[in-house]
Amino acid sequence: MNPTTPPSPYEQLRGSILASETLEKAASYDKGEDDPASPWFHFAAAQRVASTDKAEAEQHLRHILTMPQVESRTYLQAWHYLRALGVTPDEETRRRAIGMVVEVGLEMGVDSVAAYQDHSARYFNQAGSVIIWDTETPEMNELIDIFLDVAQQVGDNTQPWDEAHPDPPSQGMMLINILTPAGIHIGMGPMNAMQNDPMGKAVTQTALALMQSLIQATEKSA
């Protein structure tokens, strides 16, 4: 992103989509209702003590991991902050693909398809339209499961990215983000090259199928 160019709506939401927002940002979602059943209560509590009592901050973040029906992105956010505290997930947990975000640079901007283990999904069109999918249906669940199966295969053959996260891809480029408790696994390159790679092709095909189904499902409900 050009530093002189204001961030696009997608770029402003990207941290939420990748579950990589700052702890301060997550804490800001707390409504101040003193509700321990809300993950935002625990994010806010962790943020208040993160610099003075890391053990207490870790306790609040670990509690989020155990909350029933916690959203996948919230679970990933908790691990994002735990890693910053030096906490490492166990071997079984660390490689689980909880979500995948596929970003493609097009003429007008970025097309992005995201889906998560809780069967939520998001589609951001280059022109600015957005589809938010939080409804479970057998058909969409199956597509998301296939999408995440491919994500798991990619994750099993890569390592978490340990540098600054790449900007959204420029035109003609593709960026695959595999979201795991151990961090985000990255695959990136020119679209043509990615589509000629067996795993890149599998990601592209499942992302396209999910995108098309999200559009069709939204049109039917309109």
C-alpha atoms as a PDB file:
ATOM      1  CA  MET A   1       0.000   0.000   0.000  1.00  0.00           C
ATOM      2  CA  ASN A   2       1.289   3.466  -0.903  1.00  0.00           C
ATOM      3  CA  PRO A   3       1.779   5.337   2.424  1.00  0.00           C
ATOM      4  CA  THR A   4       0.242   8.472   0.898  1.00  0.00           C
ATOM      5  CA  THR A   5      -2.905   6.618  -0.201  1.00  0.00           C
ATOM      6  CA  PRO A   6      -5.730   6.218   2.337  1.00  0.00           C
ATOM      7  CA  PRO A   7      -6.412   2.551   3.133  1.00  0.00           C
ATOM      8  CA  SER A   8      -9.288   0.972   1.249  1.00  0.00           C
ATOM      9  CA  PRO A   9     -12.298  -0.376   3.187  1.00  0.00           C
ATOM     10  CA  TYR A  10     -10.854  -3.874   2.780  1.00  0.00           C
ATOM     11  CA  GLU A  11      -7.457  -2.798   4.085  1.00  0.00           C
ATOM     12  CA  GLN A  12      -9.156  -1.272   7.115  1.00  0.00           C
ATOM     13  CA  LEU A  13     -10.886  -4.592   7.862  1.00  0.00           C
ATOM     14  CA  ARG A  14      -7.979  -6.827   6.896  1.00  0.00           C
ATOM     15  CA  GLY A  15      -6.671  -7.247  10.438  1.00  0.00           C
ATOM     16  CA  SER A  16     -10.051  -8.604  11.503  1.00  0.00           C
ATOM     17  CA  ILE A  17     -10.221 -10.963   8.510  1.00  0.00           C
ATOM     18  CA  LEU A  18      -6.715 -12.284   9.209  1.00  0.00           C
ATOM     19  CA  ALA A  19      -7.321 -12.329  12.987  1.00  0.00           C
ATOM     20  CA  SER A  20      -4.212 -10.206  13.456  1.00  0.00           C
ATOM     21  CA  GLU A  21      -5.564  -7.002  14.976  1.00  0.00           C
ATOM     22  CA  THR A  22      -3.688  -5.324  17.807  1.00  0.00           C
ATOM     23  CA  LEU A  23      -4.718  -6.174  21.356  1.00  0.00           C
ATOM     24  CA  GLU A  24      -5.701  -2.528  21.805  1.00  0.00           C
ATOM     25  CA  LYS A  25      -8.106  -2.835  18.871  1.00  0.00           C
ATOM     26  CA  ALA A  26      -9.686  -6.015  20.242  1.00  0.00           C
ATOM     27  CA  ALA A  27     -10.003  -4.417  23.672  1.00  0.00           C
ATOM     28  CA  SER A  28     -11.863  -1.481  22.126  1.00  0.00           C
ATOM     29  CA  TYR A  29     -14.749  -3.810  21.221  1.00  0.00           C
ATOM     30  CA  ASP A  30     -15.533  -4.328  24.915  1.00  0.00           C
ATOM     31  CA  LYS A  31     -18.768  -2.513  25.772  1.00  0.00           C
ATOM     32  CA  GLY A  32     -17.804  -1.969  29.398  1.00  0.00           C
ATOM     33  CA  GLU A  33     -20.636  -4.161  30.664  1.00  0.00           C
ATOM     34  CA  ASP A  34     -18.351  -6.191  32.949  1.00  0.00           C
ATOM     35  CA  ASP A  35     -19.525  -9.413  31.312  1.00  0.00           C
ATOM     36  CA  PRO A  36     -17.056 -12.306  31.802  1.00  0.00           C
ATOM     37  CA  ALA A  37     -19.074 -14.332  29.275  1.00  0.00           C
ATOM     38  CA  SER A  38     -17.895 -11.968  26.523  1.00  0.00           C
ATOM     39  CA  PRO A  39     -14.494 -12.567  24.917  1.00  0.00           C
ATOM     40  CA  TRP A  40     -14.101  -8.802  24.554  1.00  0.00           C
ATOM     41  CA  PHE A  41     -14.207  -8.469  28.354  1.00  0.00           C
ATOM     42  CA  HIS A  42     -11.178 -10.761  28.538  1.00  0.00           C
ATOM     43  CA  PHE A  43      -9.363  -9.047  25.666  1.00  0.00           C
ATOM     44  CA  ALA A  44      -9.833  -5.723  27.477  1.00  0.00           C
ATOM     45  CA  ALA A  45      -8.702  -7.228  30.781  1.00  0.00           C
ATOM     46  CA  ALA A  46      -5.628  -8.735  29.121  1.00  0.00           C
ATOM     47  CA  GLN A  47      -4.793  -5.428  27.465  1.00  0.00           C
ATOM     48  CA  ARG A  48      -4.916  -3.584  30.803  1.00  0.00           C
ATOM     49  CA  VAL A  49      -2.319  -5.863  32.415  1.00  0.00           C
ATOM     50  CA  ALA A  50      -0.274  -7.001  29.394  1.00  0.00           C
ATOM     51  CA  SER A  51       2.696  -4.801  30.290  1.00  0.00           C
ATOM     52  CA  THR A  52       2.585  -5.360  34.066  1.00  0.00           C
ATOM     53  CA  ASP A  53       1.279  -8.880  34.690  1.00  0.00           C
ATOM     54  CA  LYS A  54       1.823 -11.237  31.772  1.00  0.00           C
ATOM     55  CA  ALA A  55       0.578 -14.222  33.777  1.00  0.00           C
ATOM     56  CA  GLU A  56      -2.809 -12.592  34.328  1.00  0.00           C
ATOM     57  CA  ALA A  57      -2.988 -11.473  30.696  1.00  0.00           C
ATOM     58  CA  GLU A  58      -2.253 -15.049  29.611  1.00  0.00           C
ATOM     59  CA  GLN A  59      -4.970 -16.348  31.937  1.00  0.00           C
ATOM     60  CA  HIS A  60      -7.587 -14.085  30.337  1.00  0.00           C
ATOM     61  CA  LEU A  61      -6.516 -15.050  26.825  1.00  0.00           C
ATOM     62  CA  ARG A  62      -6.465 -18.768  27.620  1.00  0.00           C
ATOM     63  CA  HIS A  63      -9.977 -18.436  29.016  1.00  0.00           C
ATOM     64  CA  ILE A  64     -11.166 -17.223  25.605  1.00  0.00           C
ATOM     65  CA  LEU A  65      -9.836 -20.437  24.040  1.00  0.00           C
ATOM     66  CA  THR A  66     -12.109 -22.489  26.310  1.00  0.00           C
ATOM     67  CA  MET A  67     -15.287 -20.476  25.768  1.00  0.00           C
ATOM     68  CA  PRO A  68     -18.115 -22.538  24.227  1.00  0.00           C
ATOM     69  CA  GLN A  69     -18.911 -21.698  20.611  1.00  0.00           C
ATOM     70  CA  VAL A  70     -16.217 -19.039  20.423  1.00  0.00           C
ATOM     71  CA  GLU A  71     -15.927 -17.686  16.879  1.00  0.00           C
ATOM     72  CA  SER A  72     -12.965 -18.959  14.900  1.00  0.00           C
ATOM     73  CA  ARG A  73     -11.541 -15.486  14.313  1.00  0.00           C
ATOM     74  CA  THR A  74     -11.824 -14.714  18.037  1.00  0.00           C
ATOM     75  CA  TYR A  75     -10.022 -17.970  18.866  1.00  0.00           C
ATOM     76  CA  LEU A  76      -7.270 -17.075  16.403  1.00  0.00           C
ATOM     77  CA  GLN A  77      -7.025 -13.546  17.821  1.00  0.00           C
ATOM     78  CA  ALA A  78      -6.484 -14.996  21.301  1.00  0.00           C
ATOM     79  CA  TRP A  79      -3.637 -17.148  19.981  1.00  0.00           C
ATOM     80  CA  HIS A  80      -2.213 -14.130  18.146  1.00  0.00           C
ATOM     81  CA  TYR A  81      -1.811 -12.329  21.481  1.00  0.00           C
ATOM     82  CA  LEU A  82      -0.692 -15.428  23.390  1.00  0.00           C
ATOM     83  CA  ARG A  83       2.161 -15.879  20.933  1.00  0.00           C
ATOM     84  CA  ALA A  84       3.165 -12.269  21.588  1.00  0.00           C
ATOM     85  CA  LEU A  85       3.409 -13.224  25.279  1.00  0.00           C
ATOM     86  CA  GLY A  86       5.702 -16.117  24.389  1.00  0.00           C
ATOM     87  CA  VAL A  87       3.094 -18.876  24.651  1.00  0.00           C
ATOM     88  CA  THR A  88       3.485 -21.699  22.129  1.00  0.00           C
ATOM     89  CA  PRO A  89       0.601 -24.028  21.202  1.00  0.00           C
ATOM     90  CA  ASP A  90       1.184 -27.763  21.499  1.00  0.00           C
ATOM     91  CA  GLU A  91       2.052 -29.805  18.423  1.00  0.00           C
ATOM     92  CA  GLU A  92      -1.504 -31.019  17.842  1.00  0.00           C
ATOM     93  CA  THR A  93      -2.982 -27.534  18.128  1.00  0.00           C
ATOM     94  CA  ARG A  94      -0.330 -25.476  16.390  1.00  0.00           C
ATOM     95  CA  ARG A  95      -0.813 -26.706  12.830  1.00  0.00           C
ATOM     96  CA  ARG A  96      -4.615 -26.796  12.710  1.00  0.00           C
ATOM     97  CA  ALA A  97      -5.920 -24.706   9.824  1.00  0.00           C
ATOM     98  CA  ILE A  98      -8.678 -22.702  11.518  1.00  0.00           C
ATOM     99  CA  GLY A  99      -9.198 -20.457   8.512  1.00  0.00           C
ATOM    100  CA  MET A 100      -7.895 -19.455   5.111  1.00  0.00           C
ATOM    101  CA  VAL A 101      -7.940 -16.086   3.359  1.00  0.00           C
ATOM    102  CA  VAL A 102      -7.205 -16.001  -0.375  1.00  0.00           C
ATOM    103  CA  GLU A 103      -6.418 -12.561  -1.805  1.00  0.00           C
ATOM    104  CA  VAL A 104      -6.070 -11.762  -5.504  1.00  0.00           C
ATOM    105  CA  GLY A 105      -4.907  -8.432  -6.913  1.00  0.00           C
ATOM    106  CA  LEU A 106      -7.182  -7.235  -9.724  1.00  0.00           C
ATOM    107  CA  GLU A 107      -7.526  -4.051 -11.772  1.00  0.00           C
ATOM    108  CA  MET A 108      -9.810  -2.230  -9.318  1.00  0.00           C
ATOM    109  CA  GLY A 109      -8.360  -3.630  -6.117  1.00  0.00           C
ATOM    110  CA  VAL A 110      -8.348  -6.884  -4.178  1.00  0.00           C
ATOM    111  CA  ASP A 111     -10.785  -9.779  -4.352  1.00  0.00           C
ATOM    112  CA  SER A 112     -10.666 -11.723  -1.084  1.00  0.00           C
ATOM    113  CA  VAL A 113     -12.375 -14.964  -0.055  1.00  0.00           C
ATOM    114  CA  ALA A 114     -12.157 -16.100   3.560  1.00  0.00           C
ATOM    115  CA  ALA A 115     -13.667 -19.000   5.482  1.00  0.00           C
ATOM    116  CA  TYR A 116     -13.233 -20.393   8.960  1.00  0.00           C
ATOM    117  CA  GLN A 117     -13.723 -23.557  10.992  1.00  0.00           C
ATOM    118  CA  ASP A 118     -17.015 -22.286  12.463  1.00  0.00           C
ATOM    119  CA  HIS A 119     -18.384 -22.218   8.875  1.00  0.00           C
ATOM    120  CA  SER A 120     -18.442 -18.438   8.660  1.00  0.00           C
ATOM    121  CA  ALA A 121     -17.199 -16.898   5.419  1.00  0.00           C
ATOM    122  CA  ARG A 122     -16.464 -13.519   3.867  1.00  0.00           C
ATOM    123  CA  TYR A 123     -16.153 -12.296   0.294  1.00  0.00           C
ATOM    124  CA  PHE A 124     -14.767  -8.871  -0.578  1.00  0.00           C
ATOM    125  CA  ASN A 125     -15.133  -7.855  -4.222  1.00  0.00           C
ATOM    126  CA  GLN A 126     -12.570  -5.563  -5.862  1.00  0.00           C
ATOM    127  CA  ALA A 127     -15.339  -3.034  -6.565  1.00  0.00           C
ATOM    128  CA  GLY A 128     -16.185  -2.731  -2.868  1.00  0.00           C
ATOM    129  CA  SER A 129     -19.163  -5.045  -2.330  1.00  0.00           C
ATOM    130  CA  VAL A 130     -19.013  -7.409   0.644  1.00  0.00           C
ATOM    131  CA  ILE A 131     -20.726 -10.685   1.535  1.00  0.00           C
ATOM    132  CA  ILE A 132     -20.840 -11.631   5.215  1.00  0.00           C
ATOM    133  CA  TRP A 133     -21.835 -15.280   5.690  1.00  0.00           C
ATOM    134  CA  ASP A 134     -22.657 -16.410   9.237  1.00  0.00           C
ATOM    135  CA  THR A 135     -25.465 -18.848   8.371  1.00  0.00           C
ATOM    136  CA  GLU A 136     -24.896 -22.592   8.390  1.00  0.00           C
ATOM    137  CA  THR A 137     -26.343 -24.648   5.547  1.00  0.00           C
ATOM    138  CA  PRO A 138     -25.304 -28.193   4.553  1.00  0.00           C
ATOM    139  CA  GLU A 139     -24.239 -27.048   1.094  1.00  0.00           C
ATOM    140  CA  MET A 140     -22.112 -24.118   2.249  1.00  0.00           C
ATOM    141  CA  ASN A 141     -20.684 -26.076   5.177  1.00  0.00           C
ATOM    142  CA  GLU A 142     -19.458 -28.737   2.760  1.00  0.00           C
ATOM    143  CA  LEU A 143     -17.783 -26.163   0.509  1.00  0.00           C
ATOM    144  CA  ILE A 144     -16.103 -24.518   3.490  1.00  0.00           C
ATOM    145  CA  ASP A 145     -14.909 -27.898   4.772  1.00  0.00           C
ATOM    146  CA  ILE A 146     -13.358 -28.649   1.365  1.00  0.00           C
ATOM    147  CA  PHE A 147     -11.773 -25.168   1.328  1.00  0.00           C
ATOM    148  CA  LEU A 148     -10.262 -25.792   4.775  1.00  0.00           C
ATOM    149  CA  ASP A 149      -9.121 -29.310   3.871  1.00  0.00           C
ATOM    150  CA  VAL A 150      -7.002 -27.726   1.151  1.00  0.00           C
ATOM    151  CA  ALA A 151      -5.829 -25.112   3.656  1.00  0.00           C
ATOM    152  CA  GLN A 152      -4.715 -27.909   5.970  1.00  0.00           C
ATOM    153  CA  GLN A 153      -2.752 -29.583   3.186  1.00  0.00           C
ATOM    154  CA  VAL A 154      -0.955 -26.319   2.434  1.00  0.00           C
ATOM    155  CA  GLY A 155      -0.349 -25.672   6.125  1.00  0.00           C
ATOM    156  CA  ASP A 156       1.091 -29.148   6.642  1.00  0.00           C
ATOM    157  CA  ASN A 157       3.756 -28.376   4.042  1.00  0.00           C
ATOM    158  CA  THR A 158       4.688 -24.853   5.124  1.00  0.00           C
ATOM    159  CA  GLN A 159       5.788 -22.942   8.214  1.00  0.00           C
ATOM    160  CA  PRO A 160       4.286 -19.824   9.832  1.00  0.00           C
ATOM    161  CA  TRP A 161       5.513 -16.571   8.286  1.00  0.00           C
ATOM    162  CA  ASP A 162       7.929 -14.901  10.721  1.00  0.00           C
ATOM    163  CA  GLU A 163       8.327 -11.527   9.018  1.00  0.00           C
ATOM    164  CA  ALA A 164       6.058  -8.489   8.649  1.00  0.00           C
ATOM    165  CA  HIS A 165       2.841  -9.621   7.011  1.00  0.00           C
ATOM    166  CA  PRO A 166       2.733  -8.822   3.274  1.00  0.00           C
ATOM    167  CA  ASP A 167       0.504  -6.024   2.029  1.00  0.00           C
ATOM    168  CA  PRO A 168      -2.557  -6.981  -0.039  1.00  0.00           C
ATOM    169  CA  PRO A 169      -1.406  -8.291  -3.430  1.00  0.00           C
ATOM    170  CA  SER A 170      -0.968  -5.982  -6.390  1.00  0.00           C
ATOM    171  CA  GLN A 171      -2.624  -6.644  -9.748  1.00  0.00           C
ATOM    172  CA  GLY A 172      -1.834 -10.102 -11.090  1.00  0.00           C
ATOM    173  CA  MET A 173      -0.565 -11.400  -7.766  1.00  0.00           C
ATOM    174  CA  MET A 174      -2.110 -13.896  -5.334  1.00  0.00           C
ATOM    175  CA  LEU A 175      -1.614 -14.220  -1.581  1.00  0.00           C
ATOM    176  CA  ILE A 176      -2.751 -17.304   0.356  1.00  0.00           C
ATOM    177  CA  ASN A 177      -3.054 -16.927   4.137  1.00  0.00           C
ATOM    178  CA  ILE A 178      -3.463 -20.113   6.211  1.00  0.00           C
ATOM    179  CA  LEU A 179      -4.576 -19.154   9.723  1.00  0.00           C
ATOM    180  CA  THR A 180      -3.313 -21.452  12.489  1.00  0.00           C
ATOM    181  CA  PRO A 181      -2.756 -21.094  16.256  1.00  0.00           C
ATOM    182  CA  ALA A 182       1.000 -21.025  15.549  1.00  0.00           C
ATOM    183  CA  GLY A 183       0.670 -18.129  13.110  1.00  0.00           C
ATOM    184  CA  ILE A 184      -0.168 -17.394   9.493  1.00  0.00           C
ATOM    185  CA  HIS A 185       1.312 -19.605   6.780  1.00  0.00           C
ATOM    186  CA  ILE A 186       1.900 -17.730   3.525  1.00  0.00           C
ATOM    187  CA  GLY A 187       1.883 -18.675  -0.134  1.00  0.00           C
ATOM    188  CA  MET A 188       2.298 -15.913  -2.695  1.00  0.00           C
ATOM    189  CA  GLY A 189       3.258 -15.278  -6.274  1.00  0.00           C
ATOM    190  CA  PRO A 190       1.936 -14.378  -9.730  1.00  0.00           C
ATOM    191  CA  MET A 191      -1.537 -15.765 -10.402  1.00  0.00           C
ATOM    192  CA  ASN A 192      -0.380 -17.761 -13.430  1.00  0.00           C
ATOM    193  CA  ALA A 193       2.421 -19.415 -11.498  1.00  0.00           C
ATOM    194  CA  MET A 194       0.179 -20.177  -8.519  1.00  0.00           C
ATOM    195  CA  GLN A 195      -2.424 -21.801 -10.756  1.00  0.00           C
ATOM    196  CA  ASN A 196       0.252 -24.028 -12.309  1.00  0.00           C
ATOM    197  CA  ASP A 197       1.341 -25.259  -8.882  1.00  0.00           C
ATOM    198  CA  PRO A 198      -0.712 -28.286  -7.687  1.00  0.00           C
ATOM    199  CA  MET A 199      -1.496 -26.817  -4.270  1.00  0.00           C
ATOM    200  CA  GLY A 200      -1.972 -23.313  -5.642  1.00  0.00           C
ATOM    201  CA  LYS A 201      -4.392 -24.717  -8.206  1.00  0.00           C
ATOM    202  CA  ALA A 202      -6.351 -26.547  -5.502  1.00  0.00           C
ATOM    203  CA  VAL A 203      -6.606 -23.353  -3.449  1.00  0.00           C
ATOM    204  CA  THR A 204      -7.708 -21.351  -6.488  1.00  0.00           C
ATOM    205  CA  GLN A 205     -10.378 -23.866  -7.473  1.00  0.00           C
ATOM    206  CA  THR A 206     -11.881 -24.199  -3.994  1.00  0.00           C
ATOM    207  CA  ALA A 207     -11.764 -20.428  -3.429  1.00  0.00           C
ATOM    208  CA  LEU A 208     -13.553 -19.818  -6.731  1.00  0.00           C
ATOM    209  CA  ALA A 209     -16.223 -22.425  -5.936  1.00  0.00           C
ATOM    210  CA  LEU A 210     -16.805 -20.876  -2.509  1.00  0.00           C
ATOM    211  CA  MET A 211     -16.943 -17.343  -3.925  1.00  0.00           C
ATOM    212  CA  GLN A 212     -19.485 -18.333  -6.576  1.00  0.00           C
ATOM    213  CA  SER A 213     -21.654 -20.128  -4.023  1.00  0.00           C
ATOM    214  CA  LEU A 214     -21.578 -17.149  -1.663  1.00  0.00           C
ATOM    215  CA  ILE A 215     -22.705 -14.870  -4.493  1.00  0.00           C
ATOM    216  CA  GLN A 216     -25.476 -17.264  -5.551  1.00  0.00           C
ATOM    217  CA  ALA A 217     -26.710 -17.777  -1.990  1.00  0.00           C
ATOM    218  CA  THR A 218     -26.812 -14.033  -1.408  1.00  0.00           C
ATOM    219  CA  GLU A 219     -28.705 -13.423  -4.660  1.00  0.00           C
ATOM    220  CA  LYS A 220     -31.303 -16.057  -3.702  1.00  0.00           C
ATOM    221  CA  SER A 221     -31.914 -14.431  -0.328  1.00  0.00           C
ATOM    222  CA  ALA A 222     -32.151 -10.900  -1.765  1.00  0.00           C
END
